Amino acid sequence: MQIVVRKDLQMAEGWGVGPLMAQVAHATAAVLHETKDAPETIAYLSDLKNMRKAVLQTADETSLRRLNELLSNAKPPIAHHMWIEQPENVPTCIALAPNRRENRIKKALDKSGCRLWSS
């Protein structure tokens, strides 16, 4: 499972780590709820001691929206949830449904400039 967070929210907008973690929690809960009947999600949730997540960063809103577009337009679409914080209407992060990091997922992450989160 991959979670992609906008780095500019921390760097340029001054968001703290706590608010960013809340965004990740929102997106993760949403995608797990939306895909609760998918075999991959069922398997992921059935083995709580072995859950794996990678937290990635992307530069800004444009790159996050690009990732959303790539995931949505994949054939078949790649299950994910882009969290949009309200009432500000600010896209903050994307959580991908549990997956085996297929090549098409890696390509979408690479094309949108994602890399491992760094402080």
PDB file of N, CA and C in Angstrom:
ATOM      1  N   MET A   1       0.858  -1.171   0.000  1.00  0.00           N
ATOM      2  CA  MET A   1       0.000   0.000   0.000  1.00  0.00           C
ATOM      3  C   MET A   1       0.899   1.226   0.000  1.00  0.00           C
ATOM      4  N   GLN A   2       0.589   2.179  -0.867  1.00  0.00           N
ATOM      5  CA  GLN A   2       1.364   3.402  -0.962  1.00  0.00           C
ATOM      6  C   GLN A   2       0.479   4.606  -0.623  1.00  0.00           C
ATOM      7  N   ILE A   3       1.076   5.544   0.098  1.00  0.00           N
ATOM      8  CA  ILE A   3       0.409   6.803   0.409  1.00  0.00           C
ATOM      9  C   ILE A   3       1.324   7.910  -0.085  1.00  0.00           C
ATOM     10  N   VAL A   4       0.761   8.809  -0.885  1.00  0.00           N
ATOM     11  CA  VAL A   4       1.546   9.883  -1.496  1.00  0.00           C
ATOM     12  C   VAL A   4       1.059  11.215  -0.937  1.00  0.00           C
ATOM     13  N   VAL A   5       1.991  11.973  -0.346  1.00  0.00           N
ATOM     14  CA  VAL A   5       1.673  13.235   0.320  1.00  0.00           C
ATOM     15  C   VAL A   5       2.379  14.386  -0.397  1.00  0.00           C
ATOM     16  N   ARG A   6       1.671  15.499  -0.503  1.00  0.00           N
ATOM     17  CA  ARG A   6       2.270  16.703  -1.103  1.00  0.00           C
ATOM     18  C   ARG A   6       3.332  17.280  -0.165  1.00  0.00           C
ATOM     19  N   LYS A   7       4.569  17.328  -0.622  1.00  0.00           N
ATOM     20  CA  LYS A   7       5.675  17.854   0.185  1.00  0.00           C
ATOM     21  C   LYS A   7       5.562  19.362   0.373  1.00  0.00           C
ATOM     22  N   ASP A   8       4.991  20.064  -0.605  1.00  0.00           N
ATOM     23  CA  ASP A   8       4.903  21.518  -0.499  1.00  0.00           C
ATOM     24  C   ASP A   8       4.013  21.960   0.654  1.00  0.00           C
ATOM     25  N   LEU A   9       3.106  21.107   1.106  1.00  0.00           N
ATOM     26  CA  LEU A   9       2.263  21.489   2.240  1.00  0.00           C
ATOM     27  C   LEU A   9       3.109  21.688   3.488  1.00  0.00           C
ATOM     28  N   GLN A  10       4.154  20.898   3.616  1.00  0.00           N
ATOM     29  CA  GLN A  10       5.057  21.040   4.749  1.00  0.00           C
ATOM     30  C   GLN A  10       6.067  22.151   4.509  1.00  0.00           C
ATOM     31  N   MET A  11       6.656  22.150   3.335  1.00  0.00           N
ATOM     32  CA  MET A  11       7.761  23.069   3.065  1.00  0.00           C
ATOM     33  C   MET A  11       7.289  24.508   2.830  1.00  0.00           C
ATOM     34  N   ALA A  12       6.356  24.706   1.922  1.00  0.00           N
ATOM     35  CA  ALA A  12       5.951  26.063   1.534  1.00  0.00           C
ATOM     36  C   ALA A  12       4.745  26.571   2.322  1.00  0.00           C
ATOM     37  N   GLU A  13       3.858  25.664   2.679  1.00  0.00           N
ATOM     38  CA  GLU A  13       2.620  26.077   3.342  1.00  0.00           C
ATOM     39  C   GLU A  13       2.702  26.007   4.860  1.00  0.00           C
ATOM     40  N   GLY A  14       3.754  25.381   5.387  1.00  0.00           N
ATOM     41  CA  GLY A  14       3.971  25.348   6.818  1.00  0.00           C
ATOM     42  C   GLY A  14       3.114  24.374   7.606  1.00  0.00           C
ATOM     43  N   TRP A  15       2.559  23.361   6.948  1.00  0.00           N
ATOM     44  CA  TRP A  15       1.779  22.361   7.665  1.00  0.00           C
ATOM     45  C   TRP A  15       2.723  21.548   8.545  1.00  0.00           C
ATOM     46  N   GLY A  16       2.298  21.257   9.746  1.00  0.00           N
ATOM     47  CA  GLY A  16       3.089  20.432  10.642  1.00  0.00           C
ATOM     48  C   GLY A  16       2.934  18.956  10.335  1.00  0.00           C
ATOM     49  N   VAL A  17       3.743  18.162  11.004  1.00  0.00           N
ATOM     50  CA  VAL A  17       3.705  16.720  10.808  1.00  0.00           C
ATOM     51  C   VAL A  17       2.351  16.156  11.252  1.00  0.00           C
ATOM     52  N   GLY A  18       1.812  16.643  12.359  1.00  0.00           N
ATOM     53  CA  GLY A  18       0.525  16.149  12.857  1.00  0.00           C
ATOM     54  C   GLY A  18      -0.601  16.305  11.849  1.00  0.00           C
ATOM     55  N   PRO A  19      -0.798  17.524  11.313  1.00  0.00           N
ATOM     56  CA  PRO A  19      -1.842  17.685  10.299  1.00  0.00           C
ATOM     57  C   PRO A  19      -1.609  16.821   9.055  1.00  0.00           C
ATOM     58  N   LEU A  20      -0.367  16.638   8.658  1.00  0.00           N
ATOM     59  CA  LEU A  20      -0.098  15.776   7.497  1.00  0.00           C
ATOM     60  C   LEU A  20      -0.428  14.320   7.820  1.00  0.00           C
ATOM     61  N   MET A  21      -0.113  13.884   9.043  1.00  0.00           N
ATOM     62  CA  MET A  21      -0.459  12.510   9.427  1.00  0.00           C
ATOM     63  C   MET A  21      -1.976  12.328   9.431  1.00  0.00           C
ATOM     64  N   ALA A  22      -2.712  13.336   9.833  1.00  0.00           N
ATOM     65  CA  ALA A  22      -4.175  13.247   9.803  1.00  0.00           C
ATOM     66  C   ALA A  22      -4.674  13.073   8.373  1.00  0.00           C
ATOM     67  N   GLN A  23      -4.068  13.767   7.421  1.00  0.00           N
ATOM     68  CA  GLN A  23      -4.458  13.632   6.018  1.00  0.00           C
ATOM     69  C   GLN A  23      -4.220  12.217   5.527  1.00  0.00           C
ATOM     70  N   VAL A  24      -3.074  11.654   5.901  1.00  0.00           N
ATOM     71  CA  VAL A  24      -2.748  10.272   5.530  1.00  0.00           C
ATOM     72  C   VAL A  24      -3.773   9.308   6.128  1.00  0.00           C
ATOM     73  N   ALA A  25      -4.135   9.535   7.386  1.00  0.00           N
ATOM     74  CA  ALA A  25      -5.122   8.669   8.038  1.00  0.00           C
ATOM     75  C   ALA A  25      -6.474   8.757   7.331  1.00  0.00           C
ATOM     76  N   HIS A  26      -6.886   9.970   6.960  1.00  0.00           N
ATOM     77  CA  HIS A  26      -8.149  10.142   6.248  1.00  0.00           C
ATOM     78  C   HIS A  26      -8.152   9.362   4.931  1.00  0.00           C
ATOM     79  N   ALA A  27      -7.112   9.558   4.128  1.00  0.00           N
ATOM     80  CA  ALA A  27      -7.053   8.910   2.809  1.00  0.00           C
ATOM     81  C   ALA A  27      -6.972   7.397   2.943  1.00  0.00           C
ATOM     82  N   THR A  28      -6.194   6.915   3.911  1.00  0.00           N
ATOM     83  CA  THR A  28      -6.050   5.479   4.106  1.00  0.00           C
ATOM     84  C   THR A  28      -7.374   4.848   4.534  1.00  0.00           C
ATOM     85  N   ALA A  29      -8.049   5.471   5.490  1.00  0.00           N
ATOM     86  CA  ALA A  29      -9.351   4.939   5.936  1.00  0.00           C
ATOM     87  C   ALA A  29     -10.344   4.936   4.779  1.00  0.00           C
ATOM     88  N   ALA A  30     -10.329   5.994   3.973  1.00  0.00           N
ATOM     89  CA  ALA A  30     -11.271   6.092   2.855  1.00  0.00           C
ATOM     90  C   ALA A  30     -11.036   4.991   1.828  1.00  0.00           C
ATOM     91  N   VAL A  31      -9.782   4.775   1.429  1.00  0.00           N
ATOM     92  CA  VAL A  31      -9.529   3.767   0.392  1.00  0.00           C
ATOM     93  C   VAL A  31      -9.801   2.360   0.921  1.00  0.00           C
ATOM     94  N   LEU A  32      -9.512   2.110   2.194  1.00  0.00           N
ATOM     95  CA  LEU A  32      -9.816   0.792   2.751  1.00  0.00           C
ATOM     96  C   LEU A  32     -11.323   0.562   2.814  1.00  0.00           C
ATOM     97  N   HIS A  33     -12.067   1.601   3.159  1.00  0.00           N
ATOM     98  CA  HIS A  33     -13.528   1.475   3.181  1.00  0.00           C
ATOM     99  C   HIS A  33     -14.072   1.245   1.765  1.00  0.00           C
ATOM    100  N   GLU A  34     -13.577   2.023   0.810  1.00  0.00           N
ATOM    101  CA  GLU A  34     -14.073   1.922  -0.572  1.00  0.00           C
ATOM    102  C   GLU A  34     -13.752   0.576  -1.215  1.00  0.00           C
ATOM    103  N   THR A  35     -12.666  -0.061  -0.775  1.00  0.00           N
ATOM    104  CA  THR A  35     -12.253  -1.327  -1.398  1.00  0.00           C
ATOM    105  C   THR A  35     -12.400  -2.506  -0.434  1.00  0.00           C
ATOM    106  N   LYS A  36     -13.251  -2.368   0.563  1.00  0.00           N
ATOM    107  CA  LYS A  36     -13.368  -3.382   1.623  1.00  0.00           C
ATOM    108  C   LYS A  36     -13.717  -4.770   1.095  1.00  0.00           C
ATOM    109  N   ASP A  37     -14.347  -4.869  -0.057  1.00  0.00           N
ATOM    110  CA  ASP A  37     -14.727  -6.169  -0.608  1.00  0.00           C
ATOM    111  C   ASP A  37     -13.720  -6.711  -1.622  1.00  0.00           C
ATOM    112  N   ALA A  38     -12.676  -5.958  -1.918  1.00  0.00           N
ATOM    113  CA  ALA A  38     -11.661  -6.414  -2.879  1.00  0.00           C
ATOM    114  C   ALA A  38     -10.784  -7.485  -2.222  1.00  0.00           C
ATOM    115  N   PRO A  39     -10.456  -8.532  -2.954  1.00  0.00           N
ATOM    116  CA  PRO A  39      -9.632  -9.610  -2.377  1.00  0.00           C
ATOM    117  C   PRO A  39      -8.313  -9.106  -1.780  1.00  0.00           C
ATOM    118  N   GLU A  40      -7.667  -8.152  -2.434  1.00  0.00           N
ATOM    119  CA  GLU A  40      -6.389  -7.626  -1.932  1.00  0.00           C
ATOM    120  C   GLU A  40      -6.574  -6.920  -0.596  1.00  0.00           C
ATOM    121  N   THR A  41      -7.662  -6.172  -0.452  1.00  0.00           N
ATOM    122  CA  THR A  41      -7.925  -5.465   0.804  1.00  0.00           C
ATOM    123  C   THR A  41      -8.289  -6.451   1.901  1.00  0.00           C
ATOM    124  N   ILE A  42      -9.094  -7.443   1.569  1.00  0.00           N
ATOM    125  CA  ILE A  42      -9.466  -8.463   2.554  1.00  0.00           C
ATOM    126  C   ILE A  42      -8.207  -9.166   3.069  1.00  0.00           C
ATOM    127  N   ALA A  43      -7.321  -9.536   2.169  1.00  0.00           N
ATOM    128  CA  ALA A  43      -6.078 -10.211   2.559  1.00  0.00           C
ATOM    129  C   ALA A  43      -5.208  -9.284   3.408  1.00  0.00           C
ATOM    130  N   TYR A  44      -5.101  -8.033   3.018  1.00  0.00           N
ATOM    131  CA  TYR A  44      -4.290  -7.049   3.731  1.00  0.00           C
ATOM    132  C   TYR A  44      -4.791  -6.875   5.169  1.00  0.00           C
ATOM    133  N   LEU A  45      -6.105  -6.750   5.323  1.00  0.00           N
ATOM    134  CA  LEU A  45      -6.685  -6.518   6.648  1.00  0.00           C
ATOM    135  C   LEU A  45      -6.735  -7.780   7.503  1.00  0.00           C
ATOM    136  N   SER A  46      -6.580  -8.937   6.888  1.00  0.00           N
ATOM    137  CA  SER A  46      -6.636 -10.185   7.649  1.00  0.00           C
ATOM    138  C   SER A  46      -5.299 -10.529   8.314  1.00  0.00           C
ATOM    139  N   ASP A  47      -4.256  -9.783   8.007  1.00  0.00           N
ATOM    140  CA  ASP A  47      -2.920 -10.069   8.545  1.00  0.00           C
ATOM    141  C   ASP A  47      -2.337  -8.781   9.135  1.00  0.00           C
ATOM    142  N   LEU A  48      -2.928  -8.325  10.242  1.00  0.00           N
ATOM    143  CA  LEU A  48      -2.569  -7.023  10.817  1.00  0.00           C
ATOM    144  C   LEU A  48      -1.098  -6.905  11.190  1.00  0.00           C
ATOM    145  N   LYS A  49      -0.454  -7.996  11.547  1.00  0.00           N
ATOM    146  CA  LYS A  49       0.951  -7.928  11.958  1.00  0.00           C
ATOM    147  C   LYS A  49       1.909  -7.767  10.783  1.00  0.00           C
ATOM    148  N   ASN A  50       1.415  -7.948   9.577  1.00  0.00           N
ATOM    149  CA  ASN A  50       2.293  -7.872   8.411  1.00  0.00           C
ATOM    150  C   ASN A  50       1.865  -6.810   7.401  1.00  0.00           C
ATOM    151  N   MET A  51       1.091  -5.835   7.852  1.00  0.00           N
ATOM    152  CA  MET A  51       0.699  -4.748   6.947  1.00  0.00           C
ATOM    153  C   MET A  51       1.949  -3.968   6.535  1.00  0.00           C
ATOM    154  N   ARG A  52       2.009  -3.609   5.265  1.00  0.00           N
ATOM    155  CA  ARG A  52       3.130  -2.818   4.754  1.00  0.00           C
ATOM    156  C   ARG A  52       2.577  -1.577   4.066  1.00  0.00           C
ATOM    157  N   LYS A  53       3.195  -0.439   4.360  1.00  0.00           N
ATOM    158  CA  LYS A  53       2.843   0.817   3.702  1.00  0.00           C
ATOM    159  C   LYS A  53       4.125   1.540   3.355  1.00  0.00           C
ATOM    160  N   ALA A  54       4.111   2.238   2.241  1.00  0.00           N
ATOM    161  CA  ALA A  54       5.215   3.115   1.876  1.00  0.00           C
ATOM    162  C   ALA A  54       4.645   4.522   1.780  1.00  0.00           C
ATOM    163  N   VAL A  55       5.272   5.453   2.495  1.00  0.00           N
ATOM    164  CA  VAL A  55       4.847   6.846   2.425  1.00  0.00           C
ATOM    165  C   VAL A  55       5.790   7.552   1.464  1.00  0.00           C
ATOM    166  N   LEU A  56       5.182   8.104   0.424  1.00  0.00           N
ATOM    167  CA  LEU A  56       5.924   8.773  -0.638  1.00  0.00           C
ATOM    168  C   LEU A  56       5.574  10.246  -0.637  1.00  0.00           C
ATOM    169  N   GLN A  57       6.403  11.024  -1.287  1.00  0.00           N
ATOM    170  CA  GLN A  57       6.114  12.446  -1.442  1.00  0.00           C
ATOM    171  C   GLN A  57       6.045  12.794  -2.916  1.00  0.00           C
ATOM    172  N   THR A  58       5.261  13.807  -3.179  1.00  0.00           N
ATOM    173  CA  THR A  58       5.217  14.403  -4.504  1.00  0.00           C
ATOM    174  C   THR A  58       5.352  15.905  -4.306  1.00  0.00           C
ATOM    175  N   ALA A  59       5.754  16.607  -5.320  1.00  0.00           N
ATOM    176  CA  ALA A  59       6.154  18.004  -5.159  1.00  0.00           C
ATOM    177  C   ALA A  59       5.029  18.944  -4.745  1.00  0.00           C
ATOM    178  N   ASP A  60       3.863  18.806  -5.394  1.00  0.00           N
ATOM    179  CA  ASP A  60       2.846  19.840  -5.224  1.00  0.00           C
ATOM    180  C   ASP A  60       1.487  19.346  -5.700  1.00  0.00           C
ATOM    181  N   GLU A  61       0.522  20.241  -5.718  1.00  0.00           N
ATOM    182  CA  GLU A  61      -0.832  19.872  -6.134  1.00  0.00           C
ATOM    183  C   GLU A  61      -0.869  19.371  -7.574  1.00  0.00           C
ATOM    184  N   THR A  62      -0.106  20.001  -8.449  1.00  0.00           N
ATOM    185  CA  THR A  62      -0.093  19.590  -9.854  1.00  0.00           C
ATOM    186  C   THR A  62       0.359  18.145 -10.002  1.00  0.00           C
ATOM    187  N   SER A  63       1.421  17.767  -9.318  1.00  0.00           N
ATOM    188  CA  SER A  63       1.917  16.390  -9.438  1.00  0.00           C
ATOM    189  C   SER A  63       0.969  15.398  -8.764  1.00  0.00           C
ATOM    190  N   LEU A  64       0.303  15.814  -7.674  1.00  0.00           N
ATOM    191  CA  LEU A  64      -0.680  14.935  -7.042  1.00  0.00           C
ATOM    192  C   LEU A  64      -1.867  14.703  -7.970  1.00  0.00           C
ATOM    193  N   ARG A  65      -2.332  15.760  -8.604  1.00  0.00           N
ATOM    194  CA  ARG A  65      -3.444  15.624  -9.556  1.00  0.00           C
ATOM    195  C   ARG A  65      -3.025  14.775 -10.765  1.00  0.00           C
ATOM    196  N   ARG A  66      -1.789  14.902 -11.186  1.00  0.00           N
ATOM    197  CA  ARG A  66      -1.271  14.084 -12.297  1.00  0.00           C
ATOM    198  C   ARG A  66      -1.325  12.608 -11.911  1.00  0.00           C
ATOM    199  N   LEU A  67      -0.897  12.284 -10.686  1.00  0.00           N
ATOM    200  CA  LEU A  67      -0.962  10.900 -10.226  1.00  0.00           C
ATOM    201  C   LEU A  67      -2.403  10.418 -10.191  1.00  0.00           C
ATOM    202  N   ASN A  68      -3.307  11.232  -9.674  1.00  0.00           N
ATOM    203  CA  ASN A  68      -4.723  10.873  -9.630  1.00  0.00           C
ATOM    204  C   ASN A  68      -5.238  10.543 -11.025  1.00  0.00           C
ATOM    205  N   GLU A  69      -4.857  11.345 -12.004  1.00  0.00           N
ATOM    206  CA  GLU A  69      -5.272  11.132 -13.391  1.00  0.00           C
ATOM    207  C   GLU A  69      -4.696   9.833 -13.943  1.00  0.00           C
ATOM    208  N   LEU A  70      -3.417   9.576 -13.699  1.00  0.00           N
ATOM    209  CA  LEU A  70      -2.786   8.352 -14.190  1.00  0.00           C
ATOM    210  C   LEU A  70      -3.436   7.108 -13.589  1.00  0.00           C
ATOM    211  N   LEU A  71      -3.717   7.154 -12.297  1.00  0.00           N
ATOM    212  CA  LEU A  71      -4.344   6.006 -11.637  1.00  0.00           C
ATOM    213  C   LEU A  71      -5.772   5.796 -12.130  1.00  0.00           C
ATOM    214  N   SER A  72      -6.501   6.888 -12.291  1.00  0.00           N
ATOM    215  CA  SER A  72      -7.901   6.807 -12.737  1.00  0.00           C
ATOM    216  C   SER A  72      -8.024   6.335 -14.170  1.00  0.00           C
ATOM    217  N   ASN A  73      -7.072   6.726 -15.025  1.00  0.00           N
ATOM    218  CA  ASN A  73      -7.148   6.405 -16.449  1.00  0.00           C
ATOM    219  C   ASN A  73      -6.447   5.105 -16.831  1.00  0.00           C
ATOM    220  N   ALA A  74      -5.827   4.436 -15.861  1.00  0.00           N
ATOM    221  CA  ALA A  74      -5.183   3.155 -16.146  1.00  0.00           C
ATOM    222  C   ALA A  74      -6.267   2.158 -16.566  1.00  0.00           C
ATOM    223  N   LYS A  75      -5.880   1.166 -17.334  1.00  0.00           N
ATOM    224  CA  LYS A  75      -6.804   0.122 -17.793  1.00  0.00           C
ATOM    225  C   LYS A  75      -6.405  -1.205 -17.178  1.00  0.00           C
ATOM    226  N   PRO A  76      -7.140  -1.746 -16.230  1.00  0.00           N
ATOM    227  CA  PRO A  76      -8.263  -1.132 -15.518  1.00  0.00           C
ATOM    228  C   PRO A  76      -7.757  -0.076 -14.538  1.00  0.00           C
ATOM    229  N   PRO A  77      -8.651   0.797 -14.077  1.00  0.00           N
ATOM    230  CA  PRO A  77      -8.244   1.841 -13.124  1.00  0.00           C
ATOM    231  C   PRO A  77      -7.616   1.229 -11.872  1.00  0.00           C
ATOM    232  N   ILE A  78      -6.669   1.947 -11.300  1.00  0.00           N
ATOM    233  CA  ILE A  78      -5.994   1.508 -10.083  1.00  0.00           C
ATOM    234  C   ILE A  78      -6.730   2.127  -8.896  1.00  0.00           C
ATOM    235  N   ALA A  79      -7.217   1.286  -7.993  1.00  0.00           N
ATOM    236  CA  ALA A  79      -8.016   1.755  -6.861  1.00  0.00           C
ATOM    237  C   ALA A  79      -7.193   2.663  -5.948  1.00  0.00           C
ATOM    238  N   HIS A  80      -7.745   3.831  -5.681  1.00  0.00           N
ATOM    239  CA  HIS A  80      -7.080   4.811  -4.826  1.00  0.00           C
ATOM    240  C   HIS A  80      -8.104   5.817  -4.329  1.00  0.00           C
ATOM    241  N   HIS A  81      -7.678   6.649  -3.398  1.00  0.00           N
ATOM    242  CA  HIS A  81      -8.540   7.742  -2.930  1.00  0.00           C
ATOM    243  C   HIS A  81      -7.677   8.982  -2.756  1.00  0.00           C
ATOM    244  N   MET A  82      -8.067  10.050  -3.439  1.00  0.00           N
ATOM    245  CA  MET A  82      -7.384  11.330  -3.234  1.00  0.00           C
ATOM    246  C   MET A  82      -8.171  12.097  -2.169  1.00  0.00           C
ATOM    247  N   TRP A  83      -7.505  12.382  -1.060  1.00  0.00           N
ATOM    248  CA  TRP A  83      -8.156  13.115   0.020  1.00  0.00           C
ATOM    249  C   TRP A  83      -8.112  14.608  -0.282  1.00  0.00           C
ATOM    250  N   ILE A  84      -9.270  15.234  -0.192  1.00  0.00           N
ATOM    251  CA  ILE A  84      -9.381  16.687  -0.399  1.00  0.00           C
ATOM    252  C   ILE A  84      -9.895  17.275   0.902  1.00  0.00           C
ATOM    253  N   GLU A  85      -9.032  18.011   1.580  1.00  0.00           N
ATOM    254  CA  GLU A  85      -9.367  18.587   2.882  1.00  0.00           C
ATOM    255  C   GLU A  85     -10.426  19.666   2.725  1.00  0.00           C
ATOM    256  N   GLN A  86     -11.446  19.574   3.575  1.00  0.00           N
ATOM    257  CA  GLN A  86     -12.552  20.530   3.562  1.00  0.00           C
ATOM    258  C   GLN A  86     -12.552  21.322   4.871  1.00  0.00           C
ATOM    259  N   PRO A  87     -12.985  22.525   4.897  1.00  0.00           N
ATOM    260  CA  PRO A  87     -13.718  23.214   3.838  1.00  0.00           C
ATOM    261  C   PRO A  87     -12.812  23.942   2.852  1.00  0.00           C
ATOM    262  N   GLU A  88     -11.498  23.796   3.025  1.00  0.00           N
ATOM    263  CA  GLU A  88     -10.553  24.540   2.185  1.00  0.00           C
ATOM    264  C   GLU A  88     -10.500  24.039   0.739  1.00  0.00           C
ATOM    265  N   ASN A  89     -10.963  22.784   0.505  1.00  0.00           N
ATOM    266  CA  ASN A  89     -10.940  22.172  -0.820  1.00  0.00           C
ATOM    267  C   ASN A  89      -9.505  21.993  -1.335  1.00  0.00           C
ATOM    268  N   VAL A  90      -8.626  21.520  -0.449  1.00  0.00           N
ATOM    269  CA  VAL A  90      -7.211  21.350  -0.765  1.00  0.00           C
ATOM    270  C   VAL A  90      -6.891  19.865  -0.915  1.00  0.00           C
ATOM    271  N   PRO A  91      -6.484  19.423  -2.116  1.00  0.00           N
ATOM    272  CA  PRO A  91      -6.042  18.039  -2.280  1.00  0.00           C
ATOM    273  C   PRO A  91      -4.720  17.855  -1.522  1.00  0.00           C
ATOM    274  N   THR A  92      -4.670  16.880  -0.617  1.00  0.00           N
ATOM    275  CA  THR A  92      -3.489  16.733   0.233  1.00  0.00           C
ATOM    276  C   THR A  92      -2.690  15.467  -0.019  1.00  0.00           C
ATOM    277  N   CYS A  93      -3.375  14.357  -0.282  1.00  0.00           N
ATOM    278  CA  CYS A  93      -2.652  13.105  -0.453  1.00  0.00           C
ATOM    279  C   CYS A  93      -3.519  12.079  -1.180  1.00  0.00           C
ATOM    280  N   ILE A  94      -2.867  11.011  -1.602  1.00  0.00           N
ATOM    281  CA  ILE A  94      -3.533   9.889  -2.258  1.00  0.00           C
ATOM    282  C   ILE A  94      -3.094   8.617  -1.554  1.00  0.00           C
ATOM    283  N   ALA A  95      -4.066   7.768  -1.227  1.00  0.00           N
ATOM    284  CA  ALA A  95      -3.771   6.432  -0.719  1.00  0.00           C
ATOM    285  C   ALA A  95      -4.209   5.428  -1.777  1.00  0.00           C
ATOM    286  N   LEU A  96      -3.306   4.543  -2.143  1.00  0.00           N
ATOM    287  CA  LEU A  96      -3.638   3.468  -3.066  1.00  0.00           C
ATOM    288  C   LEU A  96      -4.152   2.291  -2.267  1.00  0.00           C
ATOM    289  N   ALA A  97      -5.120   1.578  -2.806  1.00  0.00           N
ATOM    290  CA  ALA A  97      -5.624   0.373  -2.160  1.00  0.00           C
ATOM    291  C   ALA A  97      -4.487  -0.637  -2.044  1.00  0.00           C
ATOM    292  N   PRO A  98      -4.577  -1.551  -1.085  1.00  0.00           N
ATOM    293  CA  PRO A  98      -3.545  -2.584  -0.976  1.00  0.00           C
ATOM    294  C   PRO A  98      -3.288  -3.232  -2.338  1.00  0.00           C
ATOM    295  N   ASN A  99      -2.016  -3.425  -2.638  1.00  0.00           N
ATOM    296  CA  ASN A  99      -1.627  -3.949  -3.950  1.00  0.00           C
ATOM    297  C   ASN A  99      -0.268  -4.610  -3.854  1.00  0.00           C
ATOM    298  N   ARG A 100       0.107  -5.252  -4.934  1.00  0.00           N
ATOM    299  CA  ARG A 100       1.413  -5.913  -5.000  1.00  0.00           C
ATOM    300  C   ARG A 100       2.431  -5.077  -5.779  1.00  0.00           C
ATOM    301  N   ARG A 101       2.175  -3.811  -5.905  1.00  0.00           N
ATOM    302  CA  ARG A 101       3.041  -2.844  -6.617  1.00  0.00           C
ATOM    303  C   ARG A 101       3.382  -3.342  -8.020  1.00  0.00           C
ATOM    304  N   GLU A 102       2.317  -3.567  -8.759  1.00  0.00           N
ATOM    305  CA  GLU A 102       2.474  -3.985 -10.150  1.00  0.00           C
ATOM    306  C   GLU A 102       3.270  -2.935 -10.919  1.00  0.00           C
ATOM    307  N   ASN A 103       3.795  -3.334 -12.055  1.00  0.00           N
ATOM    308  CA  ASN A 103       4.593  -2.443 -12.883  1.00  0.00           C
ATOM    309  C   ASN A 103       3.816  -1.182 -13.257  1.00  0.00           C
ATOM    310  N   ARG A 104       2.515  -1.312 -13.530  1.00  0.00           N
ATOM    311  CA  ARG A 104       1.730  -0.137 -13.928  1.00  0.00           C
ATOM    312  C   ARG A 104       1.583   0.845 -12.770  1.00  0.00           C
ATOM    313  N   ILE A 105       1.599   0.365 -11.533  1.00  0.00           N
ATOM    314  CA  ILE A 105       1.563   1.259 -10.376  1.00  0.00           C
ATOM    315  C   ILE A 105       2.896   1.982 -10.257  1.00  0.00           C
ATOM    316  N   LYS A 106       3.981   1.233 -10.383  1.00  0.00           N
ATOM    317  CA  LYS A 106       5.311   1.845 -10.327  1.00  0.00           C
ATOM    318  C   LYS A 106       5.458   2.915 -11.402  1.00  0.00           C
ATOM    319  N   LYS A 107       4.984   2.637 -12.609  1.00  0.00           N
ATOM    320  CA  LYS A 107       5.079   3.614 -13.694  1.00  0.00           C
ATOM    321  C   LYS A 107       4.302   4.884 -13.374  1.00  0.00           C
ATOM    322  N   ALA A 108       3.095   4.744 -12.831  1.00  0.00           N
ATOM    323  CA  ALA A 108       2.286   5.922 -12.472  1.00  0.00           C
ATOM    324  C   ALA A 108       2.984   6.741 -11.391  1.00  0.00           C
ATOM    325  N   LEU A 109       3.543   6.065 -10.391  1.00  0.00           N
ATOM    326  CA  LEU A 109       4.258   6.774  -9.327  1.00  0.00           C
ATOM    327  C   LEU A 109       5.486   7.496  -9.887  1.00  0.00           C
ATOM    328  N   ASP A 110       6.227   6.817 -10.749  1.00  0.00           N
ATOM    329  CA  ASP A 110       7.415   7.430 -11.348  1.00  0.00           C
ATOM    330  C   ASP A 110       7.055   8.619 -12.238  1.00  0.00           C
ATOM    331  N   LYS A 111       6.019   8.467 -13.075  1.00  0.00           N
ATOM    332  CA  LYS A 111       5.627   9.542 -13.994  1.00  0.00           C
ATOM    333  C   LYS A 111       5.166  10.802 -13.275  1.00  0.00           C
ATOM    334  N   SER A 112       4.653  10.647 -12.070  1.00  0.00           N
ATOM    335  CA  SER A 112       4.185  11.817 -11.324  1.00  0.00           C
ATOM    336  C   SER A 112       5.244  12.328 -10.339  1.00  0.00           C
ATOM    337  N   GLY A 113       6.436  11.778 -10.410  1.00  0.00           N
ATOM    338  CA  GLY A 113       7.536  12.303  -9.610  1.00  0.00           C
ATOM    339  C   GLY A 113       7.553  11.880  -8.153  1.00  0.00           C
ATOM    340  N   CYS A 114       6.940  10.754  -7.838  1.00  0.00           N
ATOM    341  CA  CYS A 114       6.903  10.296  -6.441  1.00  0.00           C
ATOM    342  C   CYS A 114       8.234   9.690  -6.041  1.00  0.00           C
ATOM    343  N   ARG A 115       8.576   9.912  -4.778  1.00  0.00           N
ATOM    344  CA  ARG A 115       9.752   9.272  -4.196  1.00  0.00           C
ATOM    345  C   ARG A 115       9.496   9.097  -2.705  1.00  0.00           C
ATOM    346  N   LEU A 116      10.325   8.296  -2.053  1.00  0.00           N
ATOM    347  CA  LEU A 116      10.113   8.061  -0.630  1.00  0.00           C
ATOM    348  C   LEU A 116      10.119   9.374   0.140  1.00  0.00           C
ATOM    349  N   TRP A 117       9.236   9.447   1.142  1.00  0.00           N
ATOM    350  CA  TRP A 117       9.138  10.650   1.975  1.00  0.00           C
ATOM    351  C   TRP A 117      10.458  10.887   2.688  1.00  0.00           C
ATOM    352  N   SER A 118      10.905  12.110   2.707  1.00  0.00           N
ATOM    353  CA  SER A 118      12.087  12.477   3.488  1.00  0.00           C
ATOM    354  C   SER A 118      11.762  13.719   4.313  1.00  0.00           C
ATOM    355  N   SER A 119      12.307  13.762   5.512  1.00  0.00           N
ATOM    356  CA  SER A 119      11.975  14.883   6.395  1.00  0.00           C
ATOM    357  C   SER A 119      12.663  16.155   6.035  1.00  0.00           C
TER     358      SER A 119
END
